[in-house]
């Protein structure tokens, strides 16, 4: 078990934490949470888990081996740096750089440039023969100032947002205004905790946002939609990103033709641009949840989005599912999504 800390996306207060933990659980890594700070999760786990997090996560930014954590006071920081062993972290003749990030004006009394310079000097003094290289360093030390704490360590991975932007709704061959962003779709897939090669179902597949993201992390995918136009568009989008589905077909989510699947991730129709064929979103959700229970093995998950006004978390509990968690995601003034996760009991 290694102490690690992760810089998380600041676009939502709870989803990034849940996504990261769900990835660890899906991949079978045991972990112990040490502390949750603003945009930072500190934990102990197998260092090999970082590879899975880097491959799967949408809302993790930087992965770091933790060297120390302390109050964001200059005297405390420099004392901890002096007493921290760098054996196995950086070797003689290696180059390095020190970088820091401040979250929401935390520890505004500290100047980042001065903090980086002083920490760099202490590293140079501790490991003789090392040198600073600001452009192409062999090792990158990274610290985060958050909640008046400094968490400091060796950076071992960074997830860039660009690939998710390039898979945005308007970048796909088939577009619909109700399409979910690639980043939120990937996060929802992770919350459902599929393992690689497991079968992920989206019974309201729309433009295939969920299926694309599930396919790109190695899952098998299957989708249905009641509108033929959406099914054709889904297939077009899937093929654009090299995802070959087990099947995509026209079907009513209340009467699904599929057999047992490993998890369900979906964003049913709602809002001004969505087509519900005259049914209320509340009734569609209730009928869908009632139908799919027998197609999901015990202990497996559903992750679904719905308008906050529907109360889908409460609805799922009433229908016999275990309600694992919910997250509220504002979309615009008149719509807030509830991202709800259920487990088949």
C-alpha atoms as a PDB file:
ATOM      1  CA  UNK A   1       0.000   0.000   0.000  1.00  0.00           C
ATOM      2  CA  UNK A   2       1.381   3.382  -1.035  1.00  0.00           C
ATOM      3  CA  UNK A   3       0.279   6.836   0.048  1.00  0.00           C
ATOM      4  CA  UNK A   4      -1.079   8.695  -2.981  1.00  0.00           C
ATOM      5  CA  UNK A   5      -2.946  11.914  -3.551  1.00  0.00           C
ATOM      6  CA  UNK A   6      -4.974  13.036  -6.541  1.00  0.00           C
ATOM      7  CA  UNK A   7      -5.856  16.469  -7.869  1.00  0.00           C
ATOM      8  CA  UNK A   8      -9.492  16.235  -8.923  1.00  0.00           C
ATOM      9  CA  UNK A   9     -11.602  18.313 -11.282  1.00  0.00           C
ATOM     10  CA  UNK A  10     -13.267  21.305  -9.666  1.00  0.00           C
ATOM     11  CA  UNK A  11     -16.366  21.215 -11.859  1.00  0.00           C
ATOM     12  CA  UNK A  12     -18.395  19.251  -9.273  1.00  0.00           C
ATOM     13  CA  UNK A  13     -17.936  18.891  -5.499  1.00  0.00           C
ATOM     14  CA  UNK A  14     -18.654  15.144  -5.156  1.00  0.00           C
ATOM     15  CA  UNK A  15     -18.605  13.325  -8.520  1.00  0.00           C
ATOM     16  CA  UNK A  16     -14.781  13.246  -8.936  1.00  0.00           C
ATOM     17  CA  UNK A  17     -14.329  11.616  -5.499  1.00  0.00           C
ATOM     18  CA  UNK A  18     -16.975   8.971  -6.194  1.00  0.00           C
ATOM     19  CA  UNK A  19     -15.632   8.265  -9.668  1.00  0.00           C
ATOM     20  CA  UNK A  20     -12.103   7.621  -8.421  1.00  0.00           C
ATOM     21  CA  UNK A  21     -13.268   5.295  -5.628  1.00  0.00           C
ATOM     22  CA  UNK A  22     -15.545   3.458  -8.074  1.00  0.00           C
ATOM     23  CA  UNK A  23     -12.629   2.824 -10.447  1.00  0.00           C
ATOM     24  CA  UNK A  24     -10.604   1.297  -7.613  1.00  0.00           C
ATOM     25  CA  UNK A  25     -13.536  -0.914  -6.613  1.00  0.00           C
ATOM     26  CA  UNK A  26     -14.271  -1.964 -10.207  1.00  0.00           C
ATOM     27  CA  UNK A  27     -10.629  -2.918 -10.749  1.00  0.00           C
ATOM     28  CA  UNK A  28     -10.431  -4.828  -7.457  1.00  0.00           C
ATOM     29  CA  UNK A  29      -7.991  -2.558  -5.599  1.00  0.00           C
ATOM     30  CA  UNK A  30      -8.338  -2.230  -1.840  1.00  0.00           C
ATOM     31  CA  UNK A  31      -7.889   1.297  -0.536  1.00  0.00           C
ATOM     32  CA  UNK A  32      -8.106   3.376   2.606  1.00  0.00           C
ATOM     33  CA  UNK A  33      -9.170   7.012   2.422  1.00  0.00           C
ATOM     34  CA  UNK A  34      -6.854   9.221   4.458  1.00  0.00           C
ATOM     35  CA  UNK A  35      -8.483  12.588   3.824  1.00  0.00           C
ATOM     36  CA  UNK A  36     -10.825  14.413   1.465  1.00  0.00           C
ATOM     37  CA  UNK A  37      -9.890  18.046   0.856  1.00  0.00           C
ATOM     38  CA  UNK A  38     -11.197  20.525  -1.695  1.00  0.00           C
ATOM     39  CA  UNK A  39     -10.284  18.938  -5.075  1.00  0.00           C
ATOM     40  CA  UNK A  40      -7.866  16.519  -3.394  1.00  0.00           C
ATOM     41  CA  UNK A  41      -8.257  12.891  -2.332  1.00  0.00           C
ATOM     42  CA  UNK A  42      -5.535  11.333  -0.173  1.00  0.00           C
ATOM     43  CA  UNK A  43      -5.531   7.563   0.161  1.00  0.00           C
ATOM     44  CA  UNK A  44      -3.470   4.400   0.570  1.00  0.00           C
ATOM     45  CA  UNK A  45      -3.691   1.791  -2.164  1.00  0.00           C
ATOM     46  CA  UNK A  46      -1.642  -0.348  -4.558  1.00  0.00           C
ATOM     47  CA  UNK A  47       0.496   1.956  -6.713  1.00  0.00           C
ATOM     48  CA  UNK A  48      -0.431  -0.194  -9.731  1.00  0.00           C
ATOM     49  CA  UNK A  49      -3.961   1.231  -9.426  1.00  0.00           C
ATOM     50  CA  UNK A  50      -2.696   4.489 -10.942  1.00  0.00           C
ATOM     51  CA  UNK A  51      -2.554   2.833 -14.364  1.00  0.00           C
ATOM     52  CA  UNK A  52      -6.268   1.985 -14.167  1.00  0.00           C
ATOM     53  CA  UNK A  53      -7.162   5.451 -12.921  1.00  0.00           C
ATOM     54  CA  UNK A  54      -5.188   7.065 -15.738  1.00  0.00           C
ATOM     55  CA  UNK A  55      -6.925   4.842 -18.288  1.00  0.00           C
ATOM     56  CA  UNK A  56     -10.485   5.212 -17.005  1.00  0.00           C
ATOM     57  CA  UNK A  57     -11.007   8.469 -15.143  1.00  0.00           C
ATOM     58  CA  UNK A  58     -12.655  11.590 -16.556  1.00  0.00           C
ATOM     59  CA  UNK A  59     -12.511  13.792 -13.466  1.00  0.00           C
ATOM     60  CA  UNK A  60      -9.035  13.067 -12.066  1.00  0.00           C
ATOM     61  CA  UNK A  61      -6.324  15.497 -13.145  1.00  0.00           C
ATOM     62  CA  UNK A  62      -2.997  14.563 -11.509  1.00  0.00           C
ATOM     63  CA  UNK A  63      -1.769  11.419  -9.695  1.00  0.00           C
ATOM     64  CA  UNK A  64       1.019  11.813  -7.138  1.00  0.00           C
ATOM     65  CA  UNK A  65       3.023   9.719  -4.661  1.00  0.00           C
ATOM     66  CA  UNK A  66       2.639  11.556  -1.374  1.00  0.00           C
ATOM     67  CA  UNK A  67       5.799  12.561   0.489  1.00  0.00           C
ATOM     68  CA  UNK A  68       4.175  14.639   3.196  1.00  0.00           C
ATOM     69  CA  UNK A  69       1.106  16.651   4.160  1.00  0.00           C
ATOM     70  CA  UNK A  70       1.072  19.515   6.657  1.00  0.00           C
ATOM     71  CA  UNK A  71      -0.438  22.873   7.531  1.00  0.00           C
ATOM     72  CA  UNK A  72       0.265  25.520   4.895  1.00  0.00           C
ATOM     73  CA  UNK A  73       2.759  27.407   7.043  1.00  0.00           C
ATOM     74  CA  UNK A  74       6.228  28.085   5.679  1.00  0.00           C
ATOM     75  CA  UNK A  75       8.059  26.865   8.791  1.00  0.00           C
ATOM     76  CA  UNK A  76       6.058  23.609   8.913  1.00  0.00           C
ATOM     77  CA  UNK A  77       6.471  22.969   5.189  1.00  0.00           C
ATOM     78  CA  UNK A  78      10.244  23.427   5.135  1.00  0.00           C
ATOM     79  CA  UNK A  79      10.736  21.395   8.300  1.00  0.00           C
ATOM     80  CA  UNK A  80       8.734  18.508   6.813  1.00  0.00           C
ATOM     81  CA  UNK A  81      10.761  18.719   3.593  1.00  0.00           C
ATOM     82  CA  UNK A  82      14.038  18.578   5.561  1.00  0.00           C
ATOM     83  CA  UNK A  83      12.904  15.467   7.454  1.00  0.00           C
ATOM     84  CA  UNK A  84      11.439  13.618   4.428  1.00  0.00           C
ATOM     85  CA  UNK A  85      13.509  10.846   2.866  1.00  0.00           C
ATOM     86  CA  UNK A  86      13.929  11.023  -0.903  1.00  0.00           C
ATOM     87  CA  UNK A  87      15.482   7.576  -1.207  1.00  0.00           C
ATOM     88  CA  UNK A  88      14.002   5.826  -4.221  1.00  0.00           C
ATOM     89  CA  UNK A  89      12.288   9.070  -5.293  1.00  0.00           C
ATOM     90  CA  UNK A  90      15.118  10.888  -7.048  1.00  0.00           C
ATOM     91  CA  UNK A  91      18.668   9.724  -7.781  1.00  0.00           C
ATOM     92  CA  UNK A  92      21.976  11.497  -8.162  1.00  0.00           C
ATOM     93  CA  UNK A  93      22.367  13.159 -11.587  1.00  0.00           C
ATOM     94  CA  UNK A  94      18.601  13.283 -12.199  1.00  0.00           C
ATOM     95  CA  UNK A  95      16.946  16.593 -13.039  1.00  0.00           C
ATOM     96  CA  UNK A  96      13.739  17.836 -11.455  1.00  0.00           C
ATOM     97  CA  UNK A  97      11.279  20.702 -11.159  1.00  0.00           C
ATOM     98  CA  UNK A  98       8.953  21.763  -8.337  1.00  0.00           C
ATOM     99  CA  UNK A  99       5.465  22.993  -9.172  1.00  0.00           C
ATOM    100  CA  UNK A 100       2.525  23.917  -6.939  1.00  0.00           C
ATOM    101  CA  UNK A 101      -1.181  24.593  -7.443  1.00  0.00           C
ATOM    102  CA  UNK A 102      -3.416  26.757  -5.273  1.00  0.00           C
ATOM    103  CA  UNK A 103      -7.093  25.814  -4.865  1.00  0.00           C
ATOM    104  CA  UNK A 104      -9.596  28.628  -4.244  1.00  0.00           C
ATOM    105  CA  UNK A 105      -7.109  31.120  -2.799  1.00  0.00           C
ATOM    106  CA  UNK A 106      -6.029  28.713  -0.069  1.00  0.00           C
ATOM    107  CA  UNK A 107      -2.995  29.862   1.970  1.00  0.00           C
ATOM    108  CA  UNK A 108      -2.882  33.179   0.121  1.00  0.00           C
ATOM    109  CA  UNK A 109      -0.120  34.342   2.468  1.00  0.00           C
ATOM    110  CA  UNK A 110       2.305  31.981   0.688  1.00  0.00           C
ATOM    111  CA  UNK A 111       3.860  32.980  -2.636  1.00  0.00           C
ATOM    112  CA  UNK A 112       3.933  29.982  -4.943  1.00  0.00           C
ATOM    113  CA  UNK A 113       7.118  30.994  -6.758  1.00  0.00           C
ATOM    114  CA  UNK A 114       9.015  31.462  -3.511  1.00  0.00           C
ATOM    115  CA  UNK A 115       7.619  28.196  -2.114  1.00  0.00           C
ATOM    116  CA  UNK A 116       8.733  26.286  -5.222  1.00  0.00           C
ATOM    117  CA  UNK A 117      12.199  27.871  -5.120  1.00  0.00           C
ATOM    118  CA  UNK A 118      12.767  27.027  -1.452  1.00  0.00           C
ATOM    119  CA  UNK A 119      11.517  23.441  -1.817  1.00  0.00           C
ATOM    120  CA  UNK A 120      13.809  23.038  -4.823  1.00  0.00           C
ATOM    121  CA  UNK A 121      16.791  24.242  -2.791  1.00  0.00           C
ATOM    122  CA  UNK A 122      16.017  21.735  -0.034  1.00  0.00           C
ATOM    123  CA  UNK A 123      15.855  18.883  -2.575  1.00  0.00           C
ATOM    124  CA  UNK A 124      19.195  19.969  -4.073  1.00  0.00           C
ATOM    125  CA  UNK A 125      20.735  19.942  -0.589  1.00  0.00           C
ATOM    126  CA  UNK A 126      19.297  16.530   0.313  1.00  0.00           C
ATOM    127  CA  UNK A 127      20.343  14.693  -2.861  1.00  0.00           C
ATOM    128  CA  UNK A 128      23.710  15.878  -4.099  1.00  0.00           C
ATOM    129  CA  UNK A 129      24.271  15.871  -7.833  1.00  0.00           C
ATOM    130  CA  UNK A 130      20.663  16.556  -8.773  1.00  0.00           C
ATOM    131  CA  UNK A 131      19.843  19.636 -10.830  1.00  0.00           C
ATOM    132  CA  UNK A 132      16.848  21.792 -11.658  1.00  0.00           C
ATOM    133  CA  UNK A 133      15.446  21.657 -15.200  1.00  0.00           C
ATOM    134  CA  UNK A 134      12.366  23.816 -15.730  1.00  0.00           C
ATOM    135  CA  UNK A 135      11.578  22.603 -19.261  1.00  0.00           C
ATOM    136  CA  UNK A 136      12.339  18.869 -19.531  1.00  0.00           C
ATOM    137  CA  UNK A 137      12.854  17.512 -16.001  1.00  0.00           C
ATOM    138  CA  UNK A 138      13.183  13.794 -15.347  1.00  0.00           C
ATOM    139  CA  UNK A 139      11.185  14.101 -12.103  1.00  0.00           C
ATOM    140  CA  UNK A 140       8.341  16.478 -11.267  1.00  0.00           C
ATOM    141  CA  UNK A 141       7.586  17.319  -7.649  1.00  0.00           C
ATOM    142  CA  UNK A 142       4.073  18.641  -7.151  1.00  0.00           C
ATOM    143  CA  UNK A 143       2.275  20.306  -4.274  1.00  0.00           C
ATOM    144  CA  UNK A 144      -1.319  21.427  -3.775  1.00  0.00           C
ATOM    145  CA  UNK A 145      -2.362  24.223  -1.438  1.00  0.00           C
ATOM    146  CA  UNK A 146      -5.933  23.486  -0.376  1.00  0.00           C
ATOM    147  CA  UNK A 147      -7.999  24.064   2.760  1.00  0.00           C
ATOM    148  CA  UNK A 148      -4.892  25.726   4.281  1.00  0.00           C
ATOM    149  CA  UNK A 149      -2.898  22.505   3.891  1.00  0.00           C
ATOM    150  CA  UNK A 150      -0.016  21.592   1.614  1.00  0.00           C
ATOM    151  CA  UNK A 151       0.045  18.093   0.162  1.00  0.00           C
ATOM    152  CA  UNK A 152       3.389  17.413  -1.548  1.00  0.00           C
ATOM    153  CA  UNK A 153       4.866  14.568  -3.528  1.00  0.00           C
ATOM    154  CA  UNK A 154       6.220  13.120  -6.776  1.00  0.00           C
ATOM    155  CA  UNK A 155       3.937  13.473  -9.789  1.00  0.00           C
ATOM    156  CA  UNK A 156       3.480  10.147 -11.598  1.00  0.00           C
ATOM    157  CA  UNK A 157       0.584  10.825 -13.964  1.00  0.00           C
ATOM    158  CA  UNK A 158      -1.610  13.490 -15.539  1.00  0.00           C
ATOM    159  CA  UNK A 159      -4.920  13.099 -17.372  1.00  0.00           C
ATOM    160  CA  UNK A 160      -5.484  15.731 -20.065  1.00  0.00           C
ATOM    161  CA  UNK A 161      -9.047  16.946 -20.777  1.00  0.00           C
ATOM    162  CA  UNK A 162      -8.455  17.324 -24.529  1.00  0.00           C
ATOM    163  CA  UNK A 163      -9.630  13.817 -25.598  1.00  0.00           C
ATOM    164  CA  UNK A 164     -12.969  14.360 -23.850  1.00  0.00           C
ATOM    165  CA  UNK A 165     -13.379  17.736 -25.542  1.00  0.00           C
ATOM    166  CA  UNK A 166     -12.652  16.103 -28.908  1.00  0.00           C
ATOM    167  CA  UNK A 167     -15.480  13.613 -28.236  1.00  0.00           C
ATOM    168  CA  UNK A 168     -17.915  16.379 -27.291  1.00  0.00           C
ATOM    169  CA  UNK A 169     -21.504  16.243 -28.641  1.00  0.00           C
ATOM    170  CA  UNK A 170     -20.837  18.706 -31.474  1.00  0.00           C
ATOM    171  CA  UNK A 171     -17.680  16.848 -32.546  1.00  0.00           C
ATOM    172  CA  UNK A 172     -19.547  13.594 -33.262  1.00  0.00           C
ATOM    173  CA  UNK A 173     -20.925  12.750 -36.738  1.00  0.00           C
ATOM    174  CA  UNK A 174     -24.473  12.549 -35.354  1.00  0.00           C
ATOM    175  CA  UNK A 175     -25.571  15.392 -33.065  1.00  0.00           C
ATOM    176  CA  UNK A 176     -28.646  15.962 -30.923  1.00  0.00           C
ATOM    177  CA  UNK A 177     -29.060  18.848 -28.444  1.00  0.00           C
ATOM    178  CA  UNK A 178     -29.853  16.461 -25.573  1.00  0.00           C
ATOM    179  CA  UNK A 179     -26.511  14.626 -25.915  1.00  0.00           C
ATOM    180  CA  UNK A 180     -24.406  14.311 -22.759  1.00  0.00           C
ATOM    181  CA  UNK A 181     -20.778  15.432 -22.641  1.00  0.00           C
ATOM    182  CA  UNK A 182     -18.125  12.743 -22.963  1.00  0.00           C
ATOM    183  CA  UNK A 183     -16.692  13.609 -19.554  1.00  0.00           C
ATOM    184  CA  UNK A 184     -19.955  13.197 -17.635  1.00  0.00           C
ATOM    185  CA  UNK A 185     -20.829  10.066 -19.620  1.00  0.00           C
ATOM    186  CA  UNK A 186     -17.440   8.502 -18.739  1.00  0.00           C
ATOM    187  CA  UNK A 187     -17.939   9.423 -15.083  1.00  0.00           C
ATOM    188  CA  UNK A 188     -21.371   7.741 -15.051  1.00  0.00           C
ATOM    189  CA  UNK A 189     -19.929   4.600 -16.653  1.00  0.00           C
ATOM    190  CA  UNK A 190     -17.300   4.463 -13.912  1.00  0.00           C
ATOM    191  CA  UNK A 191     -19.919   4.937 -11.192  1.00  0.00           C
ATOM    192  CA  UNK A 192     -21.636   1.786 -12.508  1.00  0.00           C
ATOM    193  CA  UNK A 193     -18.322  -0.064 -11.938  1.00  0.00           C
ATOM    194  CA  UNK A 194     -18.077  -2.330 -15.001  1.00  0.00           C
ATOM    195  CA  UNK A 195     -14.940  -4.406 -15.342  1.00  0.00           C
ATOM    196  CA  UNK A 196     -13.160  -4.690 -18.664  1.00  0.00           C
ATOM    197  CA  UNK A 197     -15.026  -6.951 -21.126  1.00  0.00           C
ATOM    198  CA  UNK A 198     -18.282  -6.826 -19.112  1.00  0.00           C
ATOM    199  CA  UNK A 199     -21.492  -5.984 -20.965  1.00  0.00           C
ATOM    200  CA  UNK A 200     -22.814  -2.437 -20.466  1.00  0.00           C
ATOM    201  CA  UNK A 201     -26.387  -1.666 -21.540  1.00  0.00           C
ATOM    202  CA  UNK A 202     -27.882   1.743 -22.342  1.00  0.00           C
ATOM    203  CA  UNK A 203     -31.612   1.275 -23.002  1.00  0.00           C
ATOM    204  CA  UNK A 204     -32.042   4.970 -23.965  1.00  0.00           C
ATOM    205  CA  UNK A 205     -28.853   5.191 -26.028  1.00  0.00           C
ATOM    206  CA  UNK A 206     -29.644   8.439 -27.907  1.00  0.00           C
ATOM    207  CA  UNK A 207     -26.374   9.535 -29.513  1.00  0.00           C
ATOM    208  CA  UNK A 208     -24.366   6.745 -27.799  1.00  0.00           C
ATOM    209  CA  UNK A 209     -22.512   8.956 -25.287  1.00  0.00           C
ATOM    210  CA  UNK A 210     -22.485   6.211 -22.625  1.00  0.00           C
ATOM    211  CA  UNK A 211     -21.719   3.403 -25.047  1.00  0.00           C
ATOM    212  CA  UNK A 212     -18.750   5.221 -26.604  1.00  0.00           C
ATOM    213  CA  UNK A 213     -17.165   5.843 -23.196  1.00  0.00           C
ATOM    214  CA  UNK A 214     -17.818   2.295 -21.977  1.00  0.00           C
ATOM    215  CA  UNK A 215     -16.382   0.856 -25.182  1.00  0.00           C
ATOM    216  CA  UNK A 216     -13.247   2.980 -24.934  1.00  0.00           C
ATOM    217  CA  UNK A 217     -12.383   1.467 -21.533  1.00  0.00           C
ATOM    218  CA  UNK A 218     -12.722  -2.056 -22.898  1.00  0.00           C
ATOM    219  CA  UNK A 219     -16.340  -2.961 -22.097  1.00  0.00           C
ATOM    220  CA  UNK A 220     -18.716  -4.698 -24.441  1.00  0.00           C
ATOM    221  CA  UNK A 221     -21.720  -2.473 -25.183  1.00  0.00           C
ATOM    222  CA  UNK A 222     -25.351  -2.801 -26.199  1.00  0.00           C
ATOM    223  CA  UNK A 223     -27.885  -0.045 -26.818  1.00  0.00           C
ATOM    224  CA  UNK A 224     -31.572   0.464 -27.559  1.00  0.00           C
ATOM    225  CA  UNK A 225     -33.684   3.480 -28.403  1.00  0.00           C
ATOM    226  CA  UNK A 226     -37.337   3.848 -29.302  1.00  0.00           C
ATOM    227  CA  UNK A 227     -36.485   6.161 -32.228  1.00  0.00           C
ATOM    228  CA  UNK A 228     -34.978   4.598 -35.369  1.00  0.00           C
ATOM    229  CA  UNK A 229     -33.200   7.868 -36.215  1.00  0.00           C
ATOM    230  CA  UNK A 230     -31.374   7.803 -32.873  1.00  0.00           C
ATOM    231  CA  UNK A 231     -30.347   4.178 -33.311  1.00  0.00           C
ATOM    232  CA  UNK A 232     -28.827   4.940 -36.722  1.00  0.00           C
ATOM    233  CA  UNK A 233     -27.080   7.989 -35.260  1.00  0.00           C
ATOM    234  CA  UNK A 234     -25.760   5.968 -32.328  1.00  0.00           C
ATOM    235  CA  UNK A 235     -24.226   3.396 -34.631  1.00  0.00           C
ATOM    236  CA  UNK A 236     -22.637   6.164 -36.710  1.00  0.00           C
ATOM    237  CA  UNK A 237     -21.061   7.710 -33.608  1.00  0.00           C
ATOM    238  CA  UNK A 238     -19.864   4.381 -32.218  1.00  0.00           C
ATOM    239  CA  UNK A 239     -18.102   3.481 -35.437  1.00  0.00           C
ATOM    240  CA  UNK A 240     -16.479   6.943 -35.553  1.00  0.00           C
ATOM    241  CA  UNK A 241     -14.628   6.119 -32.311  1.00  0.00           C
ATOM    242  CA  UNK A 242     -13.861   2.506 -33.156  1.00  0.00           C
ATOM    243  CA  UNK A 243     -16.413   0.952 -30.782  1.00  0.00           C
ATOM    244  CA  UNK A 244     -18.083  -2.145 -32.214  1.00  0.00           C
ATOM    245  CA  UNK A 245     -21.305  -2.815 -30.260  1.00  0.00           C
ATOM    246  CA  UNK A 246     -22.756  -6.216 -29.426  1.00  0.00           C
ATOM    247  CA  UNK A 247     -25.961  -4.751 -30.803  1.00  0.00           C
ATOM    248  CA  UNK A 248     -27.866  -1.487 -31.296  1.00  0.00           C
ATOM    249  CA  UNK A 249     -31.576  -1.778 -32.055  1.00  0.00           C
ATOM    250  CA  UNK A 250     -34.945  -0.057 -31.981  1.00  0.00           C
ATOM    251  CA  UNK A 251     -36.736  -1.027 -28.765  1.00  0.00           C
ATOM    252  CA  UNK A 252     -38.891   0.406 -25.974  1.00  0.00           C
ATOM    253  CA  UNK A 253     -36.900   0.485 -22.716  1.00  0.00           C
ATOM    254  CA  UNK A 254     -39.992  -0.710 -20.859  1.00  0.00           C
ATOM    255  CA  UNK A 255     -40.006  -3.965 -22.842  1.00  0.00           C
ATOM    256  CA  UNK A 256     -36.349  -4.753 -23.422  1.00  0.00           C
ATOM    257  CA  UNK A 257     -35.399  -7.699 -25.668  1.00  0.00           C
ATOM    258  CA  UNK A 258     -31.959  -8.150 -24.091  1.00  0.00           C
ATOM    259  CA  UNK A 259     -31.033 -10.865 -21.640  1.00  0.00           C
ATOM    260  CA  UNK A 260     -28.810 -10.484 -18.557  1.00  0.00           C
ATOM    261  CA  UNK A 261     -26.241  -7.649 -18.625  1.00  0.00           C
ATOM    262  CA  UNK A 262     -23.461  -6.680 -16.204  1.00  0.00           C
ATOM    263  CA  UNK A 263     -24.509  -3.070 -15.597  1.00  0.00           C
ATOM    264  CA  UNK A 264     -26.766  -0.343 -16.960  1.00  0.00           C
ATOM    265  CA  UNK A 265     -25.777   3.276 -17.627  1.00  0.00           C
ATOM    266  CA  UNK A 266     -28.355   5.594 -19.123  1.00  0.00           C
ATOM    267  CA  UNK A 267     -29.751   9.098 -19.544  1.00  0.00           C
ATOM    268  CA  UNK A 268     -33.482   8.789 -20.332  1.00  0.00           C
ATOM    269  CA  UNK A 269     -35.278  11.494 -22.359  1.00  0.00           C
ATOM    270  CA  UNK A 270     -36.336  14.696 -20.611  1.00  0.00           C
ATOM    271  CA  UNK A 271     -36.189  18.418 -21.287  1.00  0.00           C
ATOM    272  CA  UNK A 272     -37.546  20.581 -24.095  1.00  0.00           C
ATOM    273  CA  UNK A 273     -35.631  18.851 -26.921  1.00  0.00           C
ATOM    274  CA  UNK A 274     -36.296  15.256 -25.850  1.00  0.00           C
ATOM    275  CA  UNK A 275     -38.890  12.903 -27.317  1.00  0.00           C
ATOM    276  CA  UNK A 276     -40.958  10.907 -24.798  1.00  0.00           C
ATOM    277  CA  UNK A 277     -43.780   9.836 -27.173  1.00  0.00           C
ATOM    278  CA  UNK A 278     -46.399  11.306 -24.869  1.00  0.00           C
ATOM    279  CA  UNK A 279     -45.236   9.556 -21.690  1.00  0.00           C
ATOM    280  CA  UNK A 280     -44.128  11.559 -18.654  1.00  0.00           C
ATOM    281  CA  UNK A 281     -40.479  11.232 -17.649  1.00  0.00           C
ATOM    282  CA  UNK A 282     -41.589  10.034 -14.216  1.00  0.00           C
ATOM    283  CA  UNK A 283     -43.633   7.204 -15.704  1.00  0.00           C
ATOM    284  CA  UNK A 284     -40.869   6.238 -18.135  1.00  0.00           C
ATOM    285  CA  UNK A 285     -38.375   6.009 -15.257  1.00  0.00           C
ATOM    286  CA  UNK A 286     -40.702   3.975 -13.046  1.00  0.00           C
ATOM    287  CA  UNK A 287     -41.596   1.542 -15.827  1.00  0.00           C
ATOM    288  CA  UNK A 288     -37.948   1.196 -16.858  1.00  0.00           C
ATOM    289  CA  UNK A 289     -36.665   0.524 -13.335  1.00  0.00           C
ATOM    290  CA  UNK A 290     -39.451  -1.973 -12.735  1.00  0.00           C
ATOM    291  CA  UNK A 291     -38.565  -3.835 -15.939  1.00  0.00           C
ATOM    292  CA  UNK A 292     -34.778  -4.067 -15.732  1.00  0.00           C
ATOM    293  CA  UNK A 293     -34.468  -5.511 -12.234  1.00  0.00           C
ATOM    294  CA  UNK A 294     -34.591  -9.097 -13.465  1.00  0.00           C
ATOM    295  CA  UNK A 295     -31.960  -8.451 -16.139  1.00  0.00           C
ATOM    296  CA  UNK A 296     -29.332  -7.309 -13.667  1.00  0.00           C
ATOM    297  CA  UNK A 297     -27.401  -9.808 -11.485  1.00  0.00           C
ATOM    298  CA  UNK A 298     -27.411  -9.265  -7.725  1.00  0.00           C
ATOM    299  CA  UNK A 299     -24.755  -6.809  -6.607  1.00  0.00           C
ATOM    300  CA  UNK A 300     -24.518  -5.149 -10.046  1.00  0.00           C
ATOM    301  CA  UNK A 301     -25.254  -1.485 -10.655  1.00  0.00           C
ATOM    302  CA  UNK A 302     -27.422   0.984 -12.534  1.00  0.00           C
ATOM    303  CA  UNK A 303     -26.267   4.562 -12.990  1.00  0.00           C
ATOM    304  CA  UNK A 304     -28.959   6.841 -14.370  1.00  0.00           C
ATOM    305  CA  UNK A 305     -29.596  10.546 -14.839  1.00  0.00           C
ATOM    306  CA  UNK A 306     -32.999  12.158 -14.326  1.00  0.00           C
ATOM    307  CA  UNK A 307     -34.399  15.597 -13.511  1.00  0.00           C
ATOM    308  CA  UNK A 308     -34.088  16.394  -9.810  1.00  0.00           C
ATOM    309  CA  UNK A 309     -37.861  16.921  -9.680  1.00  0.00           C
ATOM    310  CA  UNK A 310     -38.452  13.219 -10.440  1.00  0.00           C
ATOM    311  CA  UNK A 311     -36.797  12.052  -7.218  1.00  0.00           C
ATOM    312  CA  UNK A 312     -35.266   9.031  -8.941  1.00  0.00           C
ATOM    313  CA  UNK A 313     -33.194   8.074  -5.882  1.00  0.00           C
ATOM    314  CA  UNK A 314     -36.317   7.652  -3.782  1.00  0.00           C
ATOM    315  CA  UNK A 315     -38.122   5.945  -6.671  1.00  0.00           C
ATOM    316  CA  UNK A 316     -35.412   3.311  -7.037  1.00  0.00           C
ATOM    317  CA  UNK A 317     -35.529   2.500  -3.312  1.00  0.00           C
ATOM    318  CA  UNK A 318     -39.309   2.088  -3.488  1.00  0.00           C
ATOM    319  CA  UNK A 319     -38.835  -0.391  -6.345  1.00  0.00           C
ATOM    320  CA  UNK A 320     -36.449  -2.556  -4.323  1.00  0.00           C
ATOM    321  CA  UNK A 321     -33.010  -1.320  -5.370  1.00  0.00           C
ATOM    322  CA  UNK A 322     -30.285  -0.321  -2.934  1.00  0.00           C
ATOM    323  CA  UNK A 323     -29.678   3.405  -3.417  1.00  0.00           C
ATOM    324  CA  UNK A 324     -25.888   3.776  -3.313  1.00  0.00           C
ATOM    325  CA  UNK A 325     -25.552   7.514  -3.916  1.00  0.00           C
ATOM    326  CA  UNK A 326     -26.889  10.556  -5.764  1.00  0.00           C
ATOM    327  CA  UNK A 327     -25.221  13.698  -7.110  1.00  0.00           C
ATOM    328  CA  UNK A 328     -26.996  16.877  -8.237  1.00  0.00           C
ATOM    329  CA  UNK A 329     -25.636  18.453 -11.428  1.00  0.00           C
ATOM    330  CA  UNK A 330     -27.054  21.838 -12.552  1.00  0.00           C
ATOM    331  CA  UNK A 331     -27.653  22.013 -16.312  1.00  0.00           C
ATOM    332  CA  UNK A 332     -29.399  25.377 -16.663  1.00  0.00           C
ATOM    333  CA  UNK A 333     -31.795  27.557 -14.684  1.00  0.00           C
ATOM    334  CA  UNK A 334     -34.794  25.246 -15.077  1.00  0.00           C
ATOM    335  CA  UNK A 335     -33.024  21.862 -14.979  1.00  0.00           C
ATOM    336  CA  UNK A 336     -30.832  20.099 -12.433  1.00  0.00           C
ATOM    337  CA  UNK A 337     -29.873  16.485 -13.084  1.00  0.00           C
ATOM    338  CA  UNK A 338     -29.800  13.858 -10.378  1.00  0.00           C
ATOM    339  CA  UNK A 339     -27.134  11.271 -11.109  1.00  0.00           C
ATOM    340  CA  UNK A 340     -28.288   8.241  -9.128  1.00  0.00           C
ATOM    341  CA  UNK A 341     -26.513   4.920  -8.556  1.00  0.00           C
ATOM    342  CA  UNK A 342     -28.440   1.784  -7.574  1.00  0.00           C
ATOM    343  CA  UNK A 343     -27.393  -1.750  -6.763  1.00  0.00           C
ATOM    344  CA  UNK A 344     -29.471  -4.854  -7.408  1.00  0.00           C
ATOM    345  CA  UNK A 345     -30.156  -6.551  -4.062  1.00  0.00           C
END
